[in-house]
């Protein structure tokens, strides 16, 4: 058909990089299956395997392929193993069940319950660890992905900053093509084609300002015809988040937007998690708390704990507790240091703050000063994960729909903690909090808690 645009073959370097990821992940899964079977059959039991046992290893790889675990990386800039944990859970469960039901084929004997449980745990754990290591190695040994932003200069600046600071991303911005706000869309298409050829682009990040679906579709088709990957920045998700349900009406896609906030049952689940987590945490680290308290007392004069009024759920105030890391009159000295403030958008941060004590510097570097907030969590004033608790003058700068971030109890950690609160302007941080509230799930909280640990280790220089 004349004028039709067909998807072209993927560019050689892109194809090689994606092939490297697929093959490396497949070998990682095969190794995880081998180790899991070895431990389950020989270490936890004394069975003998048959020749057909070797079929169990490719069976794991095939199952992973069916679950889409080798195809998602080519679609993503941020290639992270943690986000695919639910699929790895399914993989371990399905493969263990098949091996158990077919034990007469794979094993000369009967598998005990401890062996079945061991197989499932080992396969699940080794698959996660193996994929994490594999992606880290491949990311460091392959060329970075070259990206072109098609959109406004403000979007390009933001994407450039995100590519430079985000973890699990091996990409760089190599150029920008502004969108033609008029009706001459072909001129923009020609510019994009030229930029892809001149700058060896691997991925185009399309950020349209207008809702012209035909224009966006032409752009996507044109880019794909050149063998380049496409990422679309959907502006409406900045308001509704990703917590939507896709519906279909005779070929027309409709998005069902969930109610903002959490149901009563979800709040109950989150509160239960906070109670259990804070109780176990306080019991486990009580000796550490006593040692830190003694160190703070001996290092400088003043109280052991620092208490500060913060804005909590529904705008109610509470006193957040931390180990004191500054001199006793730190708040009185704040006004005299405002000219040295390094944070944007209403926050107050000084990298080498002269008010910080010697012990306080170590506590801040390792985030140990925040451990007393577990008492705030236990009392219900804070949550393990949630929006950042702001002081009164920062909260006064939040207006309009952004104040709906206060629908949830503020957290000890959150997206703001992982991304680095001192690097994020206040207006962007509250938008992140708003989207967290709009898209809350228990799995989101678990992921944030798991990502907080390596973040703290990086801060501590470990």
Protein backbone atom coordinates (compact mmCIF):
# COMPACT_ATOMS: atom_id res chain seq x y z
CA UNK A 1 0.00 0.00 0.00
CA UNK A 2 1.42 3.39 -0.98
CA UNK A 3 2.57 5.55 1.90
CA UNK A 4 2.49 2.70 4.42
CA UNK A 5 5.22 2.66 7.09
CA UNK A 6 6.53 -0.77 8.04
CA UNK A 7 8.55 -1.63 11.14
CA UNK A 8 12.15 -2.04 10.08
CA UNK A 9 14.78 -4.45 11.41
CA UNK A 10 16.29 -3.50 14.74
CA UNK A 11 19.66 -1.72 14.46
CA UNK A 12 22.65 -4.01 14.83
CA UNK A 13 24.03 -2.61 18.08
CA UNK A 14 20.59 -2.57 19.71
CA UNK A 15 19.97 -6.17 18.63
CA UNK A 16 23.36 -7.30 19.98
CA UNK A 17 22.82 -5.63 23.35
CA UNK A 18 19.33 -7.11 23.75
CA UNK A 19 20.60 -10.54 22.66
CA UNK A 20 23.35 -10.30 25.29
CA UNK A 21 20.77 -9.56 28.01
CA UNK A 22 18.53 -12.45 26.91
CA UNK A 23 21.30 -15.05 26.69
CA UNK A 24 22.92 -13.94 29.96
CA UNK A 25 19.59 -14.06 31.82
CA UNK A 26 18.78 -17.49 30.35
CA UNK A 27 22.15 -18.86 31.53
CA UNK A 28 21.54 -17.26 34.92
CA UNK A 29 18.15 -18.98 35.23
CA UNK A 30 19.65 -22.30 34.11
CA UNK A 31 22.39 -22.00 36.74
CA UNK A 32 19.81 -21.12 39.41
CA UNK A 33 17.79 -24.22 38.47
CA UNK A 34 20.90 -26.42 38.57
CA UNK A 35 21.95 -25.18 42.01
CA UNK A 36 18.40 -25.46 43.38
CA UNK A 37 18.03 -29.05 42.13
CA UNK A 38 21.43 -30.03 43.48
CA UNK A 39 20.64 -28.72 46.95
CA UNK A 40 17.11 -30.18 47.02
CA UNK A 41 18.05 -33.66 45.76
CA UNK A 42 21.54 -34.27 47.11
CA UNK A 43 21.97 -31.95 50.11
CA UNK A 44 18.49 -32.09 51.64
CA UNK A 45 17.99 -35.74 50.67
CA UNK A 46 19.82 -38.80 49.42
CA UNK A 47 17.93 -39.50 46.22
CA UNK A 48 19.26 -40.42 42.81
CA UNK A 49 18.37 -38.50 39.69
CA UNK A 50 17.46 -39.98 36.35
CA UNK A 51 18.72 -38.90 32.96
CA UNK A 52 15.48 -37.00 32.41
CA UNK A 53 16.33 -34.69 35.30
CA UNK A 54 18.35 -32.60 32.86
CA UNK A 55 15.04 -31.71 31.19
CA UNK A 56 14.08 -29.77 34.31
CA UNK A 57 16.73 -27.14 33.60
CA UNK A 58 15.53 -26.10 30.11
CA UNK A 59 11.98 -26.41 31.49
CA UNK A 60 12.76 -23.49 33.83
CA UNK A 61 14.12 -21.41 30.94
CA UNK A 62 11.06 -22.15 28.78
CA UNK A 63 8.72 -21.24 31.64
CA UNK A 64 10.59 -17.97 32.16
CA UNK A 65 10.20 -17.23 28.46
CA UNK A 66 6.44 -17.88 28.63
CA UNK A 67 6.19 -15.48 31.59
CA UNK A 68 7.90 -12.78 29.50
CA UNK A 69 11.04 -12.62 31.64
CA UNK A 70 13.38 -12.35 28.62
CA UNK A 71 11.40 -9.77 26.64
CA UNK A 72 10.78 -6.95 29.12
CA UNK A 73 14.31 -5.48 29.17
CA UNK A 74 14.15 -4.29 25.57
CA UNK A 75 11.11 -2.19 26.48
CA UNK A 76 12.66 -0.58 29.55
CA UNK A 77 15.29 2.02 30.28
CA UNK A 78 15.47 0.99 33.92
CA UNK A 79 16.28 -2.71 33.95
CA UNK A 80 15.68 -3.86 37.51
CA UNK A 81 15.21 -7.35 38.91
CA UNK A 82 13.12 -6.29 41.90
CA UNK A 83 10.17 -5.29 39.69
CA UNK A 84 9.94 -8.78 38.21
CA UNK A 85 9.91 -10.55 41.58
CA UNK A 86 6.19 -11.48 41.26
CA UNK A 87 6.92 -13.25 37.96
CA UNK A 88 9.94 -15.01 39.52
CA UNK A 89 7.66 -16.11 42.37
CA UNK A 90 5.32 -17.64 39.79
CA UNK A 91 8.27 -19.24 37.99
CA UNK A 92 9.59 -20.91 41.16
CA UNK A 93 6.11 -22.07 42.18
CA UNK A 94 5.16 -23.53 38.78
CA UNK A 95 8.49 -25.29 38.19
CA UNK A 96 8.60 -26.73 41.73
CA UNK A 97 5.03 -28.01 41.35
CA UNK A 98 5.82 -29.68 38.00
CA UNK A 99 8.99 -31.27 39.40
CA UNK A 100 7.09 -32.51 42.48
CA UNK A 101 4.22 -33.98 40.45
CA UNK A 102 6.72 -35.61 38.09
CA UNK A 103 9.08 -36.91 40.78
CA UNK A 104 8.73 -40.47 39.46
CA UNK A 105 10.23 -39.26 36.18
CA UNK A 106 12.91 -36.94 37.50
CA UNK A 107 13.99 -38.69 40.73
CA UNK A 108 14.58 -42.29 41.75
CA UNK A 109 12.59 -42.08 44.98
CA UNK A 110 10.16 -39.75 46.72
CA UNK A 111 10.81 -36.13 47.53
CA UNK A 112 10.19 -35.10 51.12
CA UNK A 113 8.36 -31.93 52.05
CA UNK A 114 11.63 -30.31 53.16
CA UNK A 115 13.13 -31.06 49.75
CA UNK A 116 10.17 -29.55 47.90
CA UNK A 117 10.27 -26.44 50.09
CA UNK A 118 14.04 -26.24 49.68
CA UNK A 119 13.73 -26.49 45.90
CA UNK A 120 11.18 -23.67 45.80
CA UNK A 121 13.15 -21.38 48.13
CA UNK A 122 16.46 -22.01 46.38
CA UNK A 123 15.03 -21.54 42.89
CA UNK A 124 13.28 -18.32 43.88
CA UNK A 125 16.31 -16.91 45.72
CA UNK A 126 18.96 -17.98 43.19
CA UNK A 127 16.88 -16.63 40.30
CA UNK A 128 16.60 -13.19 41.94
CA UNK A 129 20.26 -12.99 42.96
CA UNK A 130 21.48 -14.42 39.66
CA UNK A 131 19.47 -11.98 37.56
CA UNK A 132 20.57 -9.04 39.71
CA UNK A 133 24.24 -9.96 39.29
CA UNK A 134 23.78 -10.71 35.57
CA UNK A 135 22.17 -7.36 34.83
CA UNK A 136 24.86 -5.52 36.79
CA UNK A 137 27.62 -7.28 34.82
CA UNK A 138 25.97 -6.83 31.40
CA UNK A 139 25.22 -3.17 32.14
CA UNK A 140 28.90 -2.53 32.90
CA UNK A 141 30.20 -4.43 29.88
CA UNK A 142 27.88 -3.07 27.17
CA UNK A 143 27.70 0.34 25.58
CA UNK A 144 25.22 2.76 27.11
CA UNK A 145 21.88 3.25 25.36
CA UNK A 146 21.81 6.47 23.33
CA UNK A 147 18.52 8.34 23.74
CA UNK A 148 16.82 11.12 21.79
CA UNK A 149 14.02 13.13 23.38
CA UNK A 150 11.26 14.36 21.06
CA UNK A 151 9.50 17.05 23.05
CA UNK A 152 10.01 20.31 24.90
CA UNK A 153 13.36 21.46 26.25
CA UNK A 154 12.02 21.28 29.82
CA UNK A 155 11.24 17.58 29.34
CA UNK A 156 14.70 16.98 27.87
CA UNK A 157 16.40 18.62 30.84
CA UNK A 158 14.37 16.51 33.24
CA UNK A 159 15.05 13.26 31.34
CA UNK A 160 18.75 14.09 31.16
CA UNK A 161 18.86 14.57 34.93
CA UNK A 162 16.97 11.34 35.57
CA UNK A 163 19.24 9.32 33.27
CA UNK A 164 22.26 10.63 35.15
CA UNK A 165 20.99 9.82 38.64
CA UNK A 166 18.69 6.78 38.32
CA UNK A 167 20.05 3.40 39.35
CA UNK A 168 19.85 0.35 37.06
CA UNK A 169 19.93 2.65 34.03
CA UNK A 170 22.73 2.54 31.46
CA UNK A 171 21.66 5.30 29.10
CA UNK A 172 22.66 8.79 28.00
CA UNK A 173 20.79 11.64 26.30
CA UNK A 174 22.42 12.51 22.98
CA UNK A 175 19.97 15.03 21.57
CA UNK A 176 16.57 16.71 21.51
CA UNK A 177 14.10 17.42 18.73
CA UNK A 178 11.36 19.94 19.57
CA UNK A 179 7.81 19.04 18.63
CA UNK A 180 6.16 21.16 15.98
CA UNK A 181 3.17 22.75 17.70
CA UNK A 182 1.67 23.71 14.35
CA UNK A 183 0.25 21.46 11.64
CA UNK A 184 3.46 20.65 9.78
CA UNK A 185 4.10 17.31 11.52
CA UNK A 186 6.17 16.04 8.60
CA UNK A 187 8.90 18.55 9.36
CA UNK A 188 9.27 17.11 12.86
CA UNK A 189 9.35 13.58 11.45
CA UNK A 190 12.17 14.55 9.06
CA UNK A 191 14.13 16.12 11.93
CA UNK A 192 13.73 12.96 14.00
CA UNK A 193 14.90 10.77 11.12
CA UNK A 194 17.95 12.99 10.58
CA UNK A 195 18.82 13.06 14.30
CA UNK A 196 18.58 9.26 14.55
CA UNK A 197 20.98 8.87 11.63
CA UNK A 198 23.44 11.59 12.70
CA UNK A 199 23.65 10.72 16.41
CA UNK A 200 23.44 6.92 16.31
CA UNK A 201 20.27 6.91 18.40
CA UNK A 202 19.14 3.66 20.06
CA UNK A 203 15.92 4.83 21.70
CA UNK A 204 13.51 7.73 21.13
CA UNK A 205 11.66 9.10 24.17
CA UNK A 206 8.50 10.71 22.84
CA UNK A 207 6.87 13.36 25.04
CA UNK A 208 3.90 14.83 23.13
CA UNK A 209 2.11 17.84 24.57
CA UNK A 210 -1.00 17.40 22.47
CA UNK A 211 -3.53 14.60 22.34
CA UNK A 212 -3.31 14.06 18.57
CA UNK A 213 -3.22 10.25 18.45
CA UNK A 214 -2.59 10.17 14.68
CA UNK A 215 0.46 12.38 15.07
CA UNK A 216 1.83 10.22 17.90
CA UNK A 217 1.11 7.04 15.93
CA UNK A 218 2.95 8.41 12.86
CA UNK A 219 5.92 9.29 15.06
CA UNK A 220 6.05 5.82 16.64
CA UNK A 221 5.75 4.12 13.24
CA UNK A 222 8.47 6.29 11.74
CA UNK A 223 10.90 5.60 14.59
CA UNK A 224 10.21 1.86 14.51
CA UNK A 225 10.74 1.77 10.75
CA UNK A 226 14.30 2.95 11.46
CA UNK A 227 14.97 0.02 13.81
CA UNK A 228 14.98 2.13 16.97
CA UNK A 229 13.20 1.46 20.28
CA UNK A 230 10.47 3.83 21.44
CA UNK A 231 9.45 4.98 24.91
CA UNK A 232 6.35 7.14 25.33
CA UNK A 233 5.97 9.66 28.14
CA UNK A 234 2.20 9.65 28.86
CA UNK A 235 1.51 13.03 30.47
CA UNK A 236 -1.88 12.04 31.87
CA UNK A 237 -0.25 9.43 34.13
CA UNK A 238 1.44 12.30 35.96
CA UNK A 239 -2.04 13.03 37.38
CA UNK A 240 -3.79 9.64 37.59
CA UNK A 241 -0.69 7.49 38.12
CA UNK A 242 -0.30 3.94 36.84
CA UNK A 243 -3.14 2.53 38.95
CA UNK A 244 -5.61 2.24 36.09
CA UNK A 245 -7.61 -0.60 34.56
CA UNK A 246 -7.58 -1.03 30.79
CA UNK A 247 -11.04 -1.51 29.29
CA UNK A 248 -12.01 -2.11 25.66
CA UNK A 249 -15.14 -1.06 23.81
CA UNK A 250 -15.16 -2.59 20.33
CA UNK A 251 -11.61 -1.48 19.52
CA UNK A 252 -11.65 1.70 21.62
CA UNK A 253 -9.38 1.60 24.68
CA UNK A 254 -10.78 3.18 27.83
CA UNK A 255 -8.90 3.67 31.09
CA UNK A 256 -10.77 3.11 34.32
CA UNK A 257 -9.23 5.33 37.02
CA UNK A 258 -9.42 3.98 40.56
CA UNK A 259 -10.56 6.10 43.48
CA UNK A 260 -7.81 8.21 44.96
CA UNK A 261 -6.35 6.96 48.25
CA UNK A 262 -6.79 3.71 50.12
CA UNK A 263 -9.77 1.70 51.26
CA UNK A 264 -10.37 0.94 54.93
CA UNK A 265 -9.12 -2.64 54.50
CA UNK A 266 -5.93 -1.43 52.77
CA UNK A 267 -5.28 1.02 55.60
CA UNK A 268 -5.71 -1.88 58.02
CA UNK A 269 -3.18 -4.00 56.12
CA UNK A 270 -0.69 -1.13 56.05
CA UNK A 271 -1.16 -0.43 59.78
CA UNK A 272 -0.65 -4.12 60.62
CA UNK A 273 2.55 -4.13 58.63
CA UNK A 274 3.72 -1.02 60.51
CA UNK A 275 2.93 -2.51 63.92
CA UNK A 276 4.66 -5.80 63.21
CA UNK A 277 7.65 -4.14 61.55
CA UNK A 278 8.19 -1.48 64.22
CA UNK A 279 7.79 -3.97 67.10
CA UNK A 280 10.23 -6.48 65.65
CA UNK A 281 12.60 -3.68 64.66
CA UNK A 282 12.66 -2.11 68.13
CA UNK A 283 13.26 -5.50 69.78
CA UNK A 284 16.05 -6.34 67.35
CA UNK A 285 17.96 -3.05 67.56
CA UNK A 286 17.45 -2.12 71.21
CA UNK A 287 21.17 -2.73 72.06
CA UNK A 288 22.17 -0.49 69.12
CA UNK A 289 19.81 2.23 70.34
CA UNK A 290 21.44 2.21 73.78
CA UNK A 291 24.96 2.44 72.34
CA UNK A 292 24.02 5.35 70.07
CA UNK A 293 22.25 7.14 72.93
CA UNK A 294 25.39 6.91 75.06
CA UNK A 295 27.56 8.18 72.18
CA UNK A 296 25.29 11.20 71.59
CA UNK A 297 25.31 12.06 75.30
CA UNK A 298 29.12 11.86 75.57
CA UNK A 299 29.80 13.78 72.34
CA UNK A 300 28.05 17.07 73.12
CA UNK A 301 25.82 18.74 75.65
CA UNK A 302 22.07 18.56 75.12
CA UNK A 303 19.23 16.02 74.91
CA UNK A 304 19.75 12.60 73.35
CA UNK A 305 16.68 12.88 71.14
CA UNK A 306 15.81 15.68 68.75
CA UNK A 307 12.09 16.38 68.50
CA UNK A 308 10.61 18.46 65.71
CA UNK A 309 7.03 19.27 64.78
CA UNK A 310 6.05 17.76 61.44
CA UNK A 311 2.83 17.65 59.45
CA UNK A 312 1.22 14.21 59.42
CA UNK A 313 -1.85 12.53 58.01
CA UNK A 314 -4.77 14.84 57.22
CA UNK A 315 -2.66 17.85 58.23
CA UNK A 316 -2.39 16.89 61.90
CA UNK A 317 0.95 17.73 63.52
CA UNK A 318 3.17 15.44 65.59
CA UNK A 319 6.70 15.38 66.99
CA UNK A 320 9.12 13.31 64.95
CA UNK A 321 11.96 11.73 66.97
CA UNK A 322 15.56 11.39 65.87
CA UNK A 323 18.90 11.05 67.60
CA UNK A 324 20.31 14.53 68.00
CA UNK A 325 22.98 15.13 65.37
CA UNK A 326 23.44 18.89 65.81
CA UNK A 327 24.40 21.25 68.58
CA UNK A 328 21.60 22.03 71.03
CA UNK A 329 20.91 25.52 69.59
CA UNK A 330 20.85 24.45 65.93
CA UNK A 331 17.44 25.98 65.17
CA UNK A 332 18.57 29.36 66.50
CA UNK A 333 21.54 29.31 64.08
CA UNK A 334 19.40 28.38 61.03
CA UNK A 335 18.57 31.96 59.98
CA UNK A 336 22.22 32.96 59.95
CA UNK A 337 23.00 30.10 57.53
CA UNK A 338 20.21 30.60 54.97
CA UNK A 339 22.61 32.16 52.46
CA UNK A 340 24.44 28.79 52.33
CA UNK A 341 21.28 26.76 51.59
CA UNK A 342 21.92 24.29 48.72
CA UNK A 343 18.44 22.77 48.36
CA UNK A 344 15.81 23.85 45.84
CA UNK A 345 12.14 24.61 46.16
CA UNK A 346 11.78 25.54 49.81
CA UNK A 347 13.91 22.84 51.48
CA UNK A 348 16.89 23.65 53.72
CA UNK A 349 20.05 21.59 53.19
CA UNK A 350 23.75 22.36 53.68
CA UNK A 351 26.18 19.62 52.72
CA UNK A 352 28.87 20.62 55.25
CA UNK A 353 26.59 22.01 57.95
CA UNK A 354 28.73 23.50 60.78
CA UNK A 355 25.98 22.71 63.31
CA UNK A 356 26.48 18.93 62.97
CA UNK A 357 28.41 17.17 65.76
CA UNK A 358 31.10 14.51 65.23
CA UNK A 359 28.83 11.62 66.22
CA UNK A 360 25.98 13.29 64.37
CA UNK A 361 27.93 13.28 61.12
CA UNK A 362 28.40 9.51 61.35
CA UNK A 363 24.76 8.95 62.28
CA UNK A 364 23.55 11.00 59.32
CA UNK A 365 25.90 9.30 56.90
CA UNK A 366 24.47 5.91 57.86
CA UNK A 367 20.87 7.13 58.53
CA UNK A 368 21.09 5.66 62.04
CA UNK A 369 19.82 8.96 63.45
CA UNK A 370 16.36 8.06 62.13
CA UNK A 371 15.99 4.80 64.08
CA UNK A 372 13.94 6.39 66.92
CA UNK A 373 11.23 7.05 64.34
CA UNK A 374 10.27 3.42 64.89
CA UNK A 375 8.60 4.70 68.07
CA UNK A 376 6.62 7.15 65.90
CA UNK A 377 5.60 4.23 63.68
CA UNK A 378 4.56 2.12 66.67
CA UNK A 379 2.42 4.98 67.98
CA UNK A 380 0.73 5.43 64.61
CA UNK A 381 2.15 8.90 63.91
CA UNK A 382 4.31 7.57 61.08
CA UNK A 383 4.43 4.59 58.75
CA UNK A 384 7.39 2.48 57.63
CA UNK A 385 6.77 3.72 54.07
CA UNK A 386 4.94 6.86 53.09
CA UNK A 387 5.15 10.50 52.00
CA UNK A 388 7.96 12.57 53.46
CA UNK A 389 6.97 14.29 56.73
CA UNK A 390 7.47 18.01 56.14
CA UNK A 391 8.12 20.76 58.67
CA UNK A 392 5.51 23.50 58.99
CA UNK A 393 7.18 26.10 56.73
CA UNK A 394 7.74 23.52 53.97
CA UNK A 395 4.17 22.25 54.22
CA UNK A 396 2.82 25.80 53.91
CA UNK A 397 4.26 25.93 50.38
CA UNK A 398 2.14 22.95 49.23
CA UNK A 399 -1.14 24.01 47.64
CA UNK A 400 -4.03 22.61 45.60
CA UNK A 401 -4.27 18.93 44.61
CA UNK A 402 -0.75 18.28 45.87
CA UNK A 403 -2.02 18.51 49.45
CA UNK A 404 -3.78 15.19 48.89
CA UNK A 405 -0.41 13.59 49.65
CA UNK A 406 -1.52 14.00 53.28
CA UNK A 407 -4.16 11.29 52.74
CA UNK A 408 -1.55 8.80 54.02
CA UNK A 409 0.55 8.72 57.17
CA UNK A 410 4.09 10.02 56.48
CA UNK A 411 6.83 7.41 56.33
CA UNK A 412 10.33 6.71 57.61
CA UNK A 413 11.25 6.01 54.00
CA UNK A 414 9.67 6.39 50.59
CA UNK A 415 10.44 7.20 46.97
CA UNK A 416 11.89 10.51 48.17
CA UNK A 417 14.43 8.67 50.36
CA UNK A 418 15.59 6.31 47.59
CA UNK A 419 15.94 9.09 45.02
CA UNK A 420 17.81 11.35 47.45
CA UNK A 421 15.65 13.94 49.19
CA UNK A 422 18.31 16.66 49.04
CA UNK A 423 18.48 16.37 45.21
CA UNK A 424 14.73 16.59 44.57
CA UNK A 425 13.00 19.99 44.49
CA UNK A 426 10.02 20.32 46.80
CA UNK A 427 7.46 20.61 43.96
CA UNK A 428 8.68 17.37 42.38
CA UNK A 429 8.86 15.53 45.69
CA UNK A 430 5.23 16.28 46.55
CA UNK A 431 4.16 15.07 43.09
CA UNK A 432 6.01 11.81 43.73
CA UNK A 433 4.23 11.52 47.08
CA UNK A 434 0.87 12.19 45.40
CA UNK A 435 1.44 9.41 42.87
CA UNK A 436 2.55 7.06 45.68
CA UNK A 437 -0.78 7.64 47.44
CA UNK A 438 -2.71 7.23 44.17
CA UNK A 439 -1.00 3.93 43.32
CA UNK A 440 -0.42 2.35 46.74
CA UNK A 441 -0.01 -1.39 47.03
CA UNK A 442 1.60 -3.64 49.63
CA UNK A 443 4.13 -4.78 47.04
CA UNK A 444 5.12 -1.14 46.43
CA UNK A 445 5.91 -0.75 50.13
CA UNK A 446 7.95 -3.96 50.15
CA UNK A 447 9.96 -2.80 47.12
CA UNK A 448 10.68 0.57 48.71
CA UNK A 449 11.85 -1.07 51.94
CA UNK A 450 14.13 -3.42 50.00
CA UNK A 451 15.56 -0.54 47.97
CA UNK A 452 16.15 1.54 51.09
CA UNK A 453 18.78 -0.92 52.36
CA UNK A 454 21.25 -0.53 49.44
CA UNK A 455 20.56 3.21 49.47
CA UNK A 456 21.67 3.40 53.12
CA UNK A 457 24.74 1.28 52.34
CA UNK A 458 25.70 3.63 49.50
CA UNK A 459 25.30 6.64 51.78
CA UNK A 460 27.50 4.94 54.34
CA UNK A 461 30.18 4.27 51.75
CA UNK A 462 29.86 0.49 52.06
